[in-house]
Amino acid sequence: MTEELMACTCPHHVHRNAFCKHMATVENTTDDGTLHAFPSRDDDTEPEDCDCEGLGDFPCWPCVRTGCKELPN
């Protein structure tokens, strides 16, 4: 990526030559180049819409989104 040209390898950009969500994310990062997609939390309480039960060791999206749990590698 340069100031004049931005590209992405996702299907939306490749097949439609359209501005995609990945490009929007890069464009909206902070001035220091960091992006905080998932805000940090001060506690480990599960969110009200937690749906981890029955997923084994895999966390539900609300827990990942709120920073309560992390996706496994």
Protein backbone atom coordinates (compact mmCIF):
# COMPACT_ATOMS: atom_id res chain seq x y z
CA MET A 1 0.00 0.00 0.00
CA THR A 2 1.14 3.51 -0.74
CA GLU A 3 -0.53 6.88 -0.31
CA GLU A 4 -1.62 6.76 -3.95
CA LEU A 5 -2.55 3.10 -4.33
CA MET A 6 -4.22 0.61 -2.06
CA ALA A 7 -5.02 -3.01 -2.89
CA CYS A 8 -6.32 -6.07 -1.11
CA THR A 9 -6.39 -9.76 -1.91
CA CYS A 10 -9.92 -10.39 -0.61
CA PRO A 11 -12.54 -11.54 -3.16
CA HIS A 12 -14.58 -8.35 -2.85
CA HIS A 13 -11.68 -6.21 -4.03
CA VAL A 14 -10.18 -8.70 -6.48
CA HIS A 15 -13.38 -9.60 -8.33
CA ARG A 16 -15.24 -6.30 -8.04
CA ASN A 17 -12.30 -3.91 -7.87
CA ALA A 18 -14.18 -2.26 -5.01
CA PHE A 19 -13.11 -0.58 -1.78
CA CYS A 20 -13.40 -3.35 0.84
CA LYS A 21 -13.68 -3.53 4.63
CA HIS A 22 -9.98 -4.38 4.90
CA MET A 23 -9.02 -1.23 3.04
CA ALA A 24 -11.39 0.81 5.21
CA THR A 25 -9.74 -0.62 8.32
CA VAL A 26 -6.28 0.34 7.12
CA GLU A 27 -7.52 3.80 6.19
CA ASN A 28 -9.05 4.27 9.64
CA THR A 29 -6.13 3.17 11.81
CA THR A 30 -4.80 5.66 14.31
CA ASP A 31 -1.95 8.01 13.50
CA ASP A 32 0.59 5.71 15.16
CA GLY A 33 -0.46 2.81 12.92
CA THR A 34 -2.21 0.76 15.59
CA LEU A 35 -5.72 -0.59 15.40
CA HIS A 36 -7.71 -1.60 18.44
CA ALA A 37 -10.36 -3.89 16.99
CA PHE A 38 -11.23 -5.44 20.34
CA PRO A 39 -11.18 -3.08 23.32
CA SER A 40 -9.43 -4.34 26.43
CA ARG A 41 -11.47 -5.18 29.50
CA ASP A 42 -10.73 -4.75 33.19
CA ASP A 43 -12.62 -7.89 34.26
CA ASP A 44 -13.10 -11.43 33.02
CA THR A 45 -16.89 -11.53 33.31
CA GLU A 46 -18.66 -13.00 30.34
CA PRO A 47 -20.89 -10.67 28.31
CA GLU A 48 -24.67 -10.99 28.71
CA ASP A 49 -24.98 -12.51 25.23
CA CYS A 50 -22.29 -15.17 25.87
CA ASP A 51 -22.99 -18.37 23.95
CA CYS A 52 -19.87 -20.40 24.81
CA GLU A 53 -21.79 -23.31 26.31
CA GLY A 54 -21.55 -26.29 24.01
CA LEU A 55 -18.58 -24.93 22.05
CA GLY A 56 -15.97 -26.83 24.06
CA ASP A 57 -12.77 -24.80 24.37
CA PHE A 58 -13.80 -22.49 21.51
CA PRO A 59 -15.11 -19.08 22.61
CA CYS A 60 -18.28 -17.51 21.24
CA TRP A 61 -18.10 -14.29 19.21
CA PRO A 62 -19.48 -12.00 21.98
CA CYS A 63 -16.67 -13.15 24.32
CA VAL A 64 -14.01 -12.61 21.64
CA ARG A 65 -15.46 -9.24 20.58
CA THR A 66 -15.49 -7.91 24.14
CA GLY A 67 -12.02 -9.25 24.95
CA CYS A 68 -13.27 -11.66 27.59
CA LYS A 69 -11.73 -14.64 25.76
CA GLU A 70 -9.26 -15.08 22.90
CA LEU A 71 -9.50 -17.27 19.82
CA PRO A 72 -7.19 -20.30 19.95
CA ASN A 73 -4.20 -20.33 17.60
